[in-house]
Protein backbone atom coordinates (compact mmCIF):
# COMPACT_ATOMS: atom_id res chain seq x y z
CA UNK A 1 -33.86 -14.98 17.85
CA UNK A 2 -32.11 -15.50 21.16
CA UNK A 3 -30.12 -18.41 19.73
CA UNK A 4 -28.83 -16.26 16.88
CA UNK A 5 -27.64 -13.63 19.37
CA UNK A 6 -25.87 -16.31 21.42
CA UNK A 7 -24.24 -17.69 18.26
CA UNK A 8 -23.00 -14.25 17.20
CA UNK A 9 -21.73 -13.51 20.72
CA UNK A 10 -19.90 -16.85 20.79
CA UNK A 11 -18.27 -16.23 17.41
CA UNK A 12 -17.23 -12.73 18.41
CA UNK A 13 -15.65 -14.06 21.59
CA UNK A 14 -13.61 -16.55 19.50
CA UNK A 15 -12.29 -13.88 17.08
CA UNK A 16 -9.33 -12.75 19.24
CA UNK A 17 -8.31 -16.38 19.78
CA UNK A 18 -8.50 -17.08 16.03
CA UNK A 19 -6.48 -13.98 15.25
CA UNK A 20 -3.73 -15.02 17.67
CA UNK A 21 -3.60 -18.53 16.20
CA UNK A 22 -2.86 -17.35 12.65
CA UNK A 23 0.57 -16.87 11.12
CA UNK A 24 2.03 -13.45 11.71
CA UNK A 25 1.64 -12.88 7.97
CA UNK A 26 3.81 -13.04 4.94
CA UNK A 27 7.30 -11.73 5.45
CA UNK A 28 7.32 -9.98 2.07
CA UNK A 29 9.87 -10.44 -0.67
CA UNK A 30 13.37 -11.54 0.11
CA UNK A 31 16.26 -9.29 -0.81
CA UNK A 32 16.95 -11.39 -3.92
CA UNK A 33 13.30 -11.14 -4.94
CA UNK A 34 13.44 -7.37 -4.59
CA UNK A 35 16.59 -7.18 -6.72
CA UNK A 36 15.01 -9.34 -9.43
CA UNK A 37 11.85 -7.22 -9.37
CA UNK A 38 13.88 -3.99 -9.61
CA UNK A 39 16.02 -5.38 -12.46
CA UNK A 40 12.87 -6.42 -14.35
CA UNK A 41 11.44 -2.94 -13.87
CA UNK A 42 14.65 -1.37 -15.25
CA UNK A 43 14.61 -3.68 -18.30
CA UNK A 44 10.98 -2.84 -19.07
CA UNK A 45 11.75 0.87 -18.70
CA UNK A 46 14.76 0.53 -21.03
CA UNK A 47 12.99 -1.40 -23.81
CA UNK A 48 9.68 0.48 -23.76
CA UNK A 49 10.80 4.07 -23.16
CA UNK A 50 14.49 4.81 -23.27
CA UNK A 51 15.59 2.78 -26.32
CA UNK A 52 12.82 3.93 -28.72
CA UNK A 53 13.32 7.57 -27.72
CA UNK A 54 17.06 7.27 -28.27
CA UNK A 55 16.45 5.75 -31.70
CA UNK A 56 14.09 8.59 -32.69
CA UNK A 57 16.59 11.20 -31.48
CA UNK A 58 19.36 9.59 -33.52
CA UNK A 59 17.19 9.54 -36.66
CA UNK A 60 16.23 13.21 -36.19
CA UNK A 61 19.87 14.19 -35.70
CA UNK A 62 20.78 12.40 -38.95
CA UNK A 63 17.91 14.20 -40.70
CA UNK A 64 19.11 17.61 -39.49
CA UNK A 65 22.71 16.98 -40.51
CA UNK A 66 21.61 15.80 -43.98
CA UNK A 67 19.59 18.90 -44.91
CA UNK A 68 20.74 20.47 -48.19
CA UNK A 69 19.65 23.29 -50.44
CA UNK A 70 16.75 22.17 -52.63
CA UNK A 71 15.38 19.57 -50.20
CA UNK A 72 11.65 19.65 -49.55
CA UNK A 73 10.75 19.46 -45.86
CA UNK A 74 7.86 19.88 -43.48
CA UNK A 75 8.30 21.53 -40.08
CA UNK A 76 6.84 20.44 -36.77
CA UNK A 77 4.34 23.30 -37.15
CA UNK A 78 3.10 21.84 -40.44
CA UNK A 79 4.75 24.34 -42.80
CA UNK A 80 6.00 22.67 -45.98
CA UNK A 81 8.65 24.27 -48.15
CA UNK A 82 11.85 23.97 -50.15
CA UNK A 83 15.18 24.82 -48.51
CA UNK A 84 16.91 27.78 -50.15
CA UNK A 85 19.67 28.40 -47.62
CA UNK A 86 21.30 26.29 -44.90
CA UNK A 87 23.17 27.82 -41.94
CA UNK A 88 24.50 26.24 -38.75
CA UNK A 89 21.29 26.35 -36.71
CA UNK A 90 18.77 27.84 -39.15
CA UNK A 91 17.41 27.14 -42.62
CA UNK A 92 15.48 29.37 -44.99
CA UNK A 93 12.36 27.79 -46.47
CA UNK A 94 10.61 28.97 -49.61
CA UNK A 95 6.96 28.29 -48.86
CA UNK A 96 5.56 30.05 -51.93
CA UNK A 97 6.85 32.14 -54.82
CA UNK A 98 8.99 34.94 -53.32
CA UNK A 99 7.90 34.02 -49.75
CA UNK A 100 10.71 32.79 -47.53
CA UNK A 101 10.76 32.09 -43.82
CA UNK A 102 13.65 31.35 -41.50
CA UNK A 103 13.22 28.38 -39.13
CA UNK A 104 15.46 26.46 -36.80
CA UNK A 105 16.83 23.16 -38.07
CA UNK A 106 15.40 21.33 -35.06
CA UNK A 107 11.89 22.38 -36.19
CA UNK A 108 12.16 20.18 -39.29
CA UNK A 109 9.96 17.14 -38.70
CA UNK A 110 10.48 15.22 -41.95
CA UNK A 111 12.07 15.37 -45.36
CA UNK A 112 9.62 14.99 -48.25
CA UNK A 113 10.26 13.18 -51.53
CA UNK A 114 11.22 15.43 -54.45
CA UNK A 115 8.22 16.91 -56.24
CA UNK A 116 5.85 16.65 -53.29
CA UNK A 117 5.33 20.41 -53.13
CA UNK A 118 4.25 20.54 -56.79
CA UNK A 119 1.57 17.93 -56.11
CA UNK A 120 0.08 19.90 -53.20
């Protein structure tokens, strides 16, 4: 038991000497490495987030500008109907016989194929 205590005491006394003998540590990335890392991060951000969102926004804008009377659409709230009137920012949807609601154009989520409402 005494020999184990002497061994541990000897190792503990060598620890400061071993710590001083080691390299001061890695210096970190160079400036060029940091620039490459940052550029890679920007490219990943562009291709995974910014570009797909821009594409979806462009498609939705084209959908809103192409709305015409008689088109069948579904809103983001899930209301399906046929367009009876188109204004600048609003459309009037006929959701049932003699039931019309006014919604904003931006609330239109998708255009449906003709005859979809009759099948529902």
